[in-house]
C-alpha atoms as a PDB file:
ATOM      1  CA  MET A   1     -30.500   1.840   6.766  1.00  0.00           C
ATOM      2  CA  ASP A   2     -29.129   4.095   4.064  1.00  0.00           C
ATOM      3  CA  THR A   3     -29.821   2.460   0.673  1.00  0.00           C
ATOM      4  CA  ARG A   4     -27.996   5.005  -1.519  1.00  0.00           C
ATOM      5  CA  ILE A   5     -25.045   3.164  -3.063  1.00  0.00           C
ATOM      6  CA  GLU A   6     -23.149   6.456  -3.413  1.00  0.00           C
ATOM      7  CA  ASN A   7     -22.764   6.604   0.375  1.00  0.00           C
ATOM      8  CA  TYR A   8     -20.812   3.334   0.369  1.00  0.00           C
ATOM      9  CA  ILE A   9     -18.306   4.091  -2.395  1.00  0.00           C
ATOM     10  CA  ARG A  10     -14.751   4.968  -1.346  1.00  0.00           C
ATOM     11  CA  GLN A  11     -12.834   6.908  -3.987  1.00  0.00           C
ATOM     12  CA  THR A  12      -9.400   5.722  -2.901  1.00  0.00           C
ATOM     13  CA  PRO A  13      -7.289   7.850  -5.297  1.00  0.00           C
ATOM     14  CA  ALA A  14      -8.683  10.969  -3.583  1.00  0.00           C
ATOM     15  CA  MET A  15      -7.957   9.644  -0.073  1.00  0.00           C
ATOM     16  CA  GLU A  16      -4.786  10.610   1.794  1.00  0.00           C
ATOM     17  CA  TRP A  17      -2.220   8.006   2.847  1.00  0.00           C
ATOM     18  CA  ASN A  18      -1.816   8.236   6.623  1.00  0.00           C
ATOM     19  CA  PRO A  19       1.177   6.848   8.521  1.00  0.00           C
ATOM     20  CA  LEU A  20       0.211   3.580  10.195  1.00  0.00           C
ATOM     21  CA  GLN A  21       0.345   4.225  13.923  1.00  0.00           C
ATOM     22  CA  GLU A  22       0.172   1.431  16.467  1.00  0.00           C
ATOM     23  CA  ALA A  23       1.289   1.949  20.067  1.00  0.00           C
ATOM     24  CA  GLY A  24       4.675   0.427  20.825  1.00  0.00           C
ATOM     25  CA  ILE A  25       5.257  -0.857  17.278  1.00  0.00           C
ATOM     26  CA  ASP A  26       7.759   0.452  14.722  1.00  0.00           C
ATOM     27  CA  THR A  27       5.634   1.003  11.615  1.00  0.00           C
ATOM     28  CA  ALA A  28       8.013   3.418   9.873  1.00  0.00           C
ATOM     29  CA  GLY A  29       7.461   3.398   6.109  1.00  0.00           C
ATOM     30  CA  ILE A  30       3.947   1.887   6.295  1.00  0.00           C
ATOM     31  CA  TYR A  31       0.885   3.943   5.323  1.00  0.00           C
ATOM     32  CA  VAL A  32      -2.822   3.175   5.497  1.00  0.00           C
ATOM     33  CA  LYS A  33      -6.144   4.096   3.914  1.00  0.00           C
ATOM     34  CA  ALA A  34      -9.157   2.791   5.851  1.00  0.00           C
ATOM     35  CA  LEU A  35     -11.864   1.628   3.429  1.00  0.00           C
ATOM     36  CA  ARG A  36     -14.611   1.035   5.981  1.00  0.00           C
ATOM     37  CA  TYR A  37     -15.169   0.881   9.719  1.00  0.00           C
ATOM     38  CA  ASP A  38     -17.060  -1.738  11.716  1.00  0.00           C
ATOM     39  CA  GLU A  39     -19.562  -1.057  14.499  1.00  0.00           C
ATOM     40  CA  ASN A  40     -16.652  -0.631  16.972  1.00  0.00           C
ATOM     41  CA  GLY A  41     -14.889   1.978  14.833  1.00  0.00           C
ATOM     42  CA  ARG A  42     -12.183  -0.474  13.727  1.00  0.00           C
ATOM     43  CA  PRO A  43     -11.238  -0.668  10.021  1.00  0.00           C
ATOM     44  CA  PRO A  44     -11.415  -4.333   8.898  1.00  0.00           C
ATOM     45  CA  SER A  45     -10.848  -3.355   5.235  1.00  0.00           C
ATOM     46  CA  ILE A  46      -7.711  -1.344   4.500  1.00  0.00           C
ATOM     47  CA  LEU A  47      -5.108  -0.481   1.920  1.00  0.00           C
ATOM     48  CA  LEU A  48      -1.517  -0.638   3.180  1.00  0.00           C
ATOM     49  CA  LYS A  49       1.446   0.875   1.380  1.00  0.00           C
ATOM     50  CA  PHE A  50       4.951  -0.280   2.316  1.00  0.00           C
ATOM     51  CA  GLU A  51       7.959   1.804   1.328  1.00  0.00           C
ATOM     52  CA  ALA A  52      11.054  -0.118   0.240  1.00  0.00           C
ATOM     53  CA  GLY A  53      12.535  -1.909   3.266  1.00  0.00           C
ATOM     54  CA  ALA A  54       9.486  -1.447   5.515  1.00  0.00           C
ATOM     55  CA  GLU A  55       8.280  -4.322   7.648  1.00  0.00           C
ATOM     56  CA  TYR A  56       5.424  -5.176   9.986  1.00  0.00           C
ATOM     57  CA  PRO A  57       6.372  -7.333  13.005  1.00  0.00           C
ATOM     58  CA  TYR A  58       5.513 -10.961  13.649  1.00  0.00           C
ATOM     59  CA  HIS A  59       1.843 -11.199  14.654  1.00  0.00           C
ATOM     60  CA  ASN A  60      -1.173 -13.484  15.007  1.00  0.00           C
ATOM     61  CA  HIS A  61      -4.489 -13.250  13.154  1.00  0.00           C
ATOM     62  CA  PRO A  62      -7.178 -14.609  15.524  1.00  0.00           C
ATOM     63  CA  GLY A  63      -9.832 -14.139  12.826  1.00  0.00           C
ATOM     64  CA  GLY A  64      -7.708 -14.905   9.768  1.00  0.00           C
ATOM     65  CA  GLU A  65      -6.788 -12.462   7.023  1.00  0.00           C
ATOM     66  CA  GLU A  66      -7.038 -11.923   3.277  1.00  0.00           C
ATOM     67  CA  ILE A  67      -4.317 -10.135   1.321  1.00  0.00           C
ATOM     68  CA  PHE A  68      -4.346  -9.055  -2.325  1.00  0.00           C
ATOM     69  CA  VAL A  69      -1.133  -7.535  -3.725  1.00  0.00           C
ATOM     70  CA  MET A  70      -2.155  -4.544  -5.841  1.00  0.00           C
ATOM     71  CA  GLU A  71       1.371  -3.312  -6.636  1.00  0.00           C
ATOM     72  CA  GLY A  72       4.924  -4.425  -5.958  1.00  0.00           C
ATOM     73  CA  SER A  73       5.900  -7.387  -3.821  1.00  0.00           C
ATOM     74  CA  CYS A  74       6.299  -8.486  -0.227  1.00  0.00           C
ATOM     75  CA  SER A  75       7.613 -11.456   1.691  1.00  0.00           C
ATOM     76  CA  ILE A  76       5.464 -13.385   4.164  1.00  0.00           C
ATOM     77  CA  GLU A  77       6.999 -16.365   5.973  1.00  0.00           C
ATOM     78  CA  GLY A  78       9.545 -16.839   3.191  1.00  0.00           C
ATOM     79  CA  ALA A  79       6.958 -16.722   0.389  1.00  0.00           C
ATOM     80  CA  GLU A  80       7.257 -13.903  -2.131  1.00  0.00           C
ATOM     81  CA  LEU A  81       3.894 -12.372  -3.076  1.00  0.00           C
ATOM     82  CA  LYS A  82       3.809 -10.287  -6.263  1.00  0.00           C
ATOM     83  CA  THR A  83       1.314  -8.023  -8.023  1.00  0.00           C
ATOM     84  CA  GLY A  84      -1.943  -9.914  -8.509  1.00  0.00           C
ATOM     85  CA  ASP A  85      -1.245 -12.571  -5.858  1.00  0.00           C
ATOM     86  CA  TYR A  86      -3.873 -13.391  -3.221  1.00  0.00           C
ATOM     87  CA  LEU A  87      -3.235 -14.965   0.181  1.00  0.00           C
ATOM     88  CA  TYR A  88      -5.777 -16.255   2.680  1.00  0.00           C
ATOM     89  CA  THR A  89      -4.403 -16.928   6.142  1.00  0.00           C
ATOM     90  CA  PRO A  90      -6.686 -18.987   8.395  1.00  0.00           C
ATOM     91  CA  PRO A  91      -7.528 -17.988  11.989  1.00  0.00           C
ATOM     92  CA  GLY A  92      -4.528 -18.356  14.270  1.00  0.00           C
ATOM     93  CA  PHE A  93      -1.975 -17.898  11.450  1.00  0.00           C
ATOM     94  CA  LYS A  94       1.192 -16.091  12.537  1.00  0.00           C
ATOM     95  CA  HIS A  95       3.583 -14.152  10.304  1.00  0.00           C
ATOM     96  CA  GLY A  96       5.484 -10.945   9.656  1.00  0.00           C
ATOM     97  CA  VAL A  97       5.519  -8.875   6.454  1.00  0.00           C
ATOM     98  CA  ARG A  98       8.489  -7.234   4.730  1.00  0.00           C
ATOM     99  CA  SER A  99       8.751  -5.443   1.416  1.00  0.00           C
ATOM    100  CA  GLU A 100      12.208  -5.008  -0.102  1.00  0.00           C
ATOM    101  CA  LYS A 101      11.074  -2.806  -2.997  1.00  0.00           C
ATOM    102  CA  GLY A 102       7.723  -1.494  -1.745  1.00  0.00           C
ATOM    103  CA  CYS A 103       4.143  -2.607  -2.307  1.00  0.00           C
ATOM    104  CA  MET A 104       0.469  -1.782  -1.940  1.00  0.00           C
ATOM    105  CA  LEU A 105      -1.824  -4.370  -0.354  1.00  0.00           C
ATOM    106  CA  LEU A 106      -5.567  -4.739   0.099  1.00  0.00           C
ATOM    107  CA  LEU A 107      -6.194  -6.385   3.484  1.00  0.00           C
ATOM    108  CA  LEU A 108      -9.373  -7.788   4.977  1.00  0.00           C
ATOM    109  CA  ILE A 109      -8.807  -8.373   8.696  1.00  0.00           C
ATOM    110  CA  PRO A 110     -11.988  -9.367  10.567  1.00  0.00           C
ATOM    111  CA  GLU A 111     -10.356  -9.210  14.044  1.00  0.00           C
ATOM    112  CA  GLU A 112      -7.575  -7.130  15.587  1.00  0.00           C
ATOM    113  CA  VAL A 113      -4.098  -8.642  15.214  1.00  0.00           C
ATOM    114  CA  GLU A 114      -1.956  -9.634  18.196  1.00  0.00           C
ATOM    115  CA  ILE A 115       1.692  -8.531  18.014  1.00  0.00           C
ATOM    116  CA  LEU A 116       4.009 -11.368  19.076  1.00  0.00           C
ATOM    117  CA  ALA A 117       7.496  -9.910  18.585  1.00  0.00           C
END
């Protein structure tokens, strides 16, 4: 195991925003920075940036989810989350995400989501 802390630091301002790409899903206006990858090559810790008007479809979180709003605001199941807000969704929680004015979110997603819409 590598014990050098420097090898675990992600300097996010230097990272590129990549368009979020998921097969069969319209993710226009959503960008991602993967912060780490698990043993299966899946990123459970990500930054997401929504442009104004962007939305992510209705989906299920089999393993739950944590969201921290770093900038802007978004709407989840009728609740408006603003800069500094934190949301924990328990396993099996279903929702969509929309941002009218744009936002940046930190997400911790221990299991792959299931698109429902």
